[in-house]
């Protein structure tokens, strides 16, 4: 729990006094209320970051598509202007 920044907590359950236990057996459990709250906050932050990432990917794809169209238009304009200067018949340019 210290790794999560929780340094104080209470015991939520404890085996009865005098119970004989062996190594590895349940002895007590700690209150997890604060830890559960921190985990919920972290999960919310993860979801927020994932949403931002997805939005930035969409913007990136949209920008890439826009730039590709702009380049295609520029290339087509250049192609047609080069052929018009030479007086040649202009064929449609396909990308």
Protein backbone atom coordinates (compact mmCIF):
# COMPACT_ATOMS: atom_id res chain seq x y z
CA UNK A 1 0.00 0.00 0.00
CA UNK A 2 2.98 2.29 0.46
CA UNK A 3 3.65 2.05 -3.26
CA UNK A 4 0.22 3.64 -3.74
CA UNK A 5 1.07 6.44 -1.30
CA UNK A 6 -1.01 5.06 1.57
CA UNK A 7 0.96 5.08 4.81
CA UNK A 8 -1.79 4.75 7.38
CA UNK A 9 -4.72 2.35 7.36
CA UNK A 10 -6.77 0.28 9.73
CA UNK A 11 -7.23 -3.45 10.15
CA UNK A 12 -10.57 -4.56 8.75
CA UNK A 13 -10.47 -8.14 10.02
CA UNK A 14 -8.24 -10.27 12.20
CA UNK A 15 -8.20 -13.95 13.12
CA UNK A 16 -9.32 -14.67 16.67
CA UNK A 17 -6.72 -14.40 19.38
CA UNK A 18 -5.13 -17.74 20.18
CA UNK A 19 -5.78 -19.17 16.70
CA UNK A 20 -2.86 -21.29 15.58
CA UNK A 21 -1.75 -20.41 12.05
CA UNK A 22 0.97 -21.72 9.83
CA UNK A 23 3.25 -19.87 7.48
CA UNK A 24 1.30 -18.30 4.60
CA UNK A 25 -2.13 -18.56 6.25
CA UNK A 26 -4.55 -15.65 6.61
CA UNK A 27 -3.99 -13.58 9.73
CA UNK A 28 -5.53 -10.20 9.00
CA UNK A 29 -6.74 -7.93 6.24
CA UNK A 30 -6.36 -4.19 5.90
CA UNK A 31 -9.03 -1.65 5.03
CA UNK A 32 -8.89 -1.14 1.28
CA UNK A 33 -11.25 1.85 1.02
CA UNK A 34 -8.53 4.43 0.35
CA UNK A 35 -6.71 2.10 -2.05
CA UNK A 36 -9.92 1.45 -4.00
CA UNK A 37 -10.46 5.22 -4.28
CA UNK A 38 -6.94 5.77 -5.59
CA UNK A 39 -7.38 2.91 -8.08
CA UNK A 40 -10.62 4.47 -9.33
CA UNK A 41 -8.84 7.81 -9.81
CA UNK A 42 -6.02 6.15 -11.73
CA UNK A 43 -8.52 4.27 -13.93
CA UNK A 44 -10.31 7.54 -14.69
CA UNK A 45 -6.99 9.16 -15.62
CA UNK A 46 -6.10 6.23 -17.89
CA UNK A 47 -9.44 6.50 -19.68
CA UNK A 48 -8.94 10.26 -20.10
CA UNK A 49 -5.48 9.75 -21.61
CA UNK A 50 -6.78 6.99 -23.92
CA UNK A 51 -9.52 9.33 -25.16
CA UNK A 52 -6.97 12.07 -25.81
CA UNK A 53 -4.78 9.60 -27.69
CA UNK A 54 -7.68 8.44 -29.86
CA UNK A 55 -8.64 12.05 -30.59
CA UNK A 56 -5.08 12.94 -31.55
CA UNK A 57 -4.92 9.91 -33.85
CA UNK A 58 -8.15 11.03 -35.56
CA UNK A 59 -6.76 14.54 -35.97
CA UNK A 60 -3.52 13.10 -37.32
CA UNK A 61 -5.36 10.98 -39.88
CA UNK A 62 -7.53 13.95 -40.90
CA UNK A 63 -4.45 16.18 -41.25
CA UNK A 64 -2.61 13.53 -43.26
CA UNK A 65 -5.62 13.15 -45.59
CA UNK A 66 -5.84 16.95 -46.00
CA UNK A 67 -2.12 17.20 -46.82
CA UNK A 68 -2.32 14.30 -49.25
CA UNK A 69 -5.20 15.99 -51.06
CA UNK A 70 -3.28 19.28 -51.12
CA UNK A 71 -0.22 17.54 -52.56
CA UNK A 72 -2.35 15.74 -55.16
CA UNK A 73 -3.94 19.03 -56.18
CA UNK A 74 -0.54 20.74 -56.39
CA UNK A 75 0.91 17.87 -58.42
CA UNK A 76 -2.08 17.90 -60.76
CA UNK A 77 -1.85 21.66 -61.20
CA UNK A 78 1.87 21.43 -61.95
CA UNK A 79 1.34 18.54 -64.38
CA UNK A 80 -1.36 20.39 -66.29
CA UNK A 81 0.57 23.67 -66.37
CA UNK A 82 3.67 21.92 -67.73
CA UNK A 83 1.69 20.33 -70.53
CA UNK A 84 -0.27 23.48 -71.35
CA UNK A 85 2.95 25.43 -71.72
CA UNK A 86 4.14 22.89 -74.29
CA UNK A 87 0.81 23.01 -76.11
CA UNK A 88 0.26 19.31 -75.65
CA UNK A 89 -3.07 17.66 -75.13
CA UNK A 90 -3.72 17.21 -71.43
CA UNK A 91 -4.80 13.82 -70.16
CA UNK A 92 -6.56 13.45 -66.83
CA UNK A 93 -4.05 12.75 -64.09
CA UNK A 94 -5.05 10.01 -61.64
CA UNK A 95 -3.50 9.32 -58.25
